[in-house]
Amino acid sequence: MTIFLTHGGTTHYLSDSLSDEVMIGTVSGIFVIQRENARKWRLARKTLEGCHISALVVEPRSGLIFAGAHKGSIHASDDLGKTWCHRDDGLTTKDIYCINFVQAQDKTMLYAGTEPARLFQSENLGETWSELQSLRSVASAPKWNFPVPPRIPHVKNIAFDPRNPRIIYACIEQGGLLKSNDGGASWEDLQGFDEDVHRIRIRTSNPDWLFIATRAGIYQSQNGGKSWEQLTTESNGIGYPDALLIHPHRENLMFMAGARTRPFAWIKDRTADSQIARSRDGGKNWEILHQGLPEHVRGNMEAMVMEVTVESVALFAGTSDGEIFHSDDEGEQWTKIIENLPPLSKAHHYLNFR
């Protein structure tokens, strides 16, 4: 099995055994690494060179791999990434931030979030796309704004209620969290949290129990987004969380990663001082993970994925400095398995350190 490590793609994997290959989306293409032994990995090949890859997902029924590119549209591969073709007919903007999909009865619904903040769907594996224009009709839309020029907001993350594929969540950076109960025909502005929403996670056992990562910390809702409680602040050591993972079967086991401070401080200090944290009680308490990680991680943790097998929980994390860290024991011990890759980065984030 191949794991995909990107900012706006798939983040959770269930496997029979630990995978030996990872496809990594960087600002200069996809880099494929392979495991040689328990601690050593090697660079195996590169593909889509020159493309700034924001998202990688694989549709399981067809085996198609989809790559969303920052200012580069959507590409698809049916031969494990050896060759690619554009699948973007109907996209009115080609700046892709995230891709996700959901199985709806006998077909796969594919979704892409873009900048400007728009949401597109495809019912035919990306052959054609149509915009869910209702997303831009919500009351908060005129206030959406991104603080960095040209100040254009984007759809950063998309998720689905596991009980009902017509219940969709969309994270707007910056603008908030939207919920649709009818497959995107209409949307509700959820309230009660910081408006800069990075991503959402949903408990499988109780999909009304939601977690979001925002620029102000982690929030939770136990009633489908009607009310929220803030779980973390800067005092937890990660003031600007982005990556957020929940074990699909042991839902009290959670991980988050991010910077101590917000991006404007990265520019001044030339560091994000990134960290990874773990909770074993459903987000109430967090511990910073150190073992095997550098004392100081300059680049921001831009991507993190979890692979769950019967016997283990493996994690991969990538930074805007092109470093890949790996743990195969629930974060107890980490190893830097690859370095000197091009940055893993949402849009311009990596430029904050130059």
Foldseek 3Di string as FASTA:
>chain_A
DEAEWAQAEDFEAEDQDDAFWYWYAFQFFIWIWGDPDPFAIDTDDTAPGHFRWHYWDADPVQRKIWTQTAQAAIWIDNPVRPDIDHLEAADPGRGWHHKDWDDDVPWIKIWTKGWQGWIWIDGPVRNHIHTLVQVCVDPQNVVQFAPDPVTHKIFHYKDAQPVDRLWIWTQIQAGAIWIGNGNSNHIDGFDEDHRRWQYKDAQNVQRLWIWTFGLAAIWIGNGNRNYIDGQDGLVLVAHGWHDKDADRPQRQKIKIKWFSHDLVVCLVVLFRQMWMWIGNGNRNHIDTFDAADDNGDGFIFSTKHWYDHPVWIKMWTFGQQAWIKIDTHSRNHIHTHDGDDHGRDRPCSSVSND
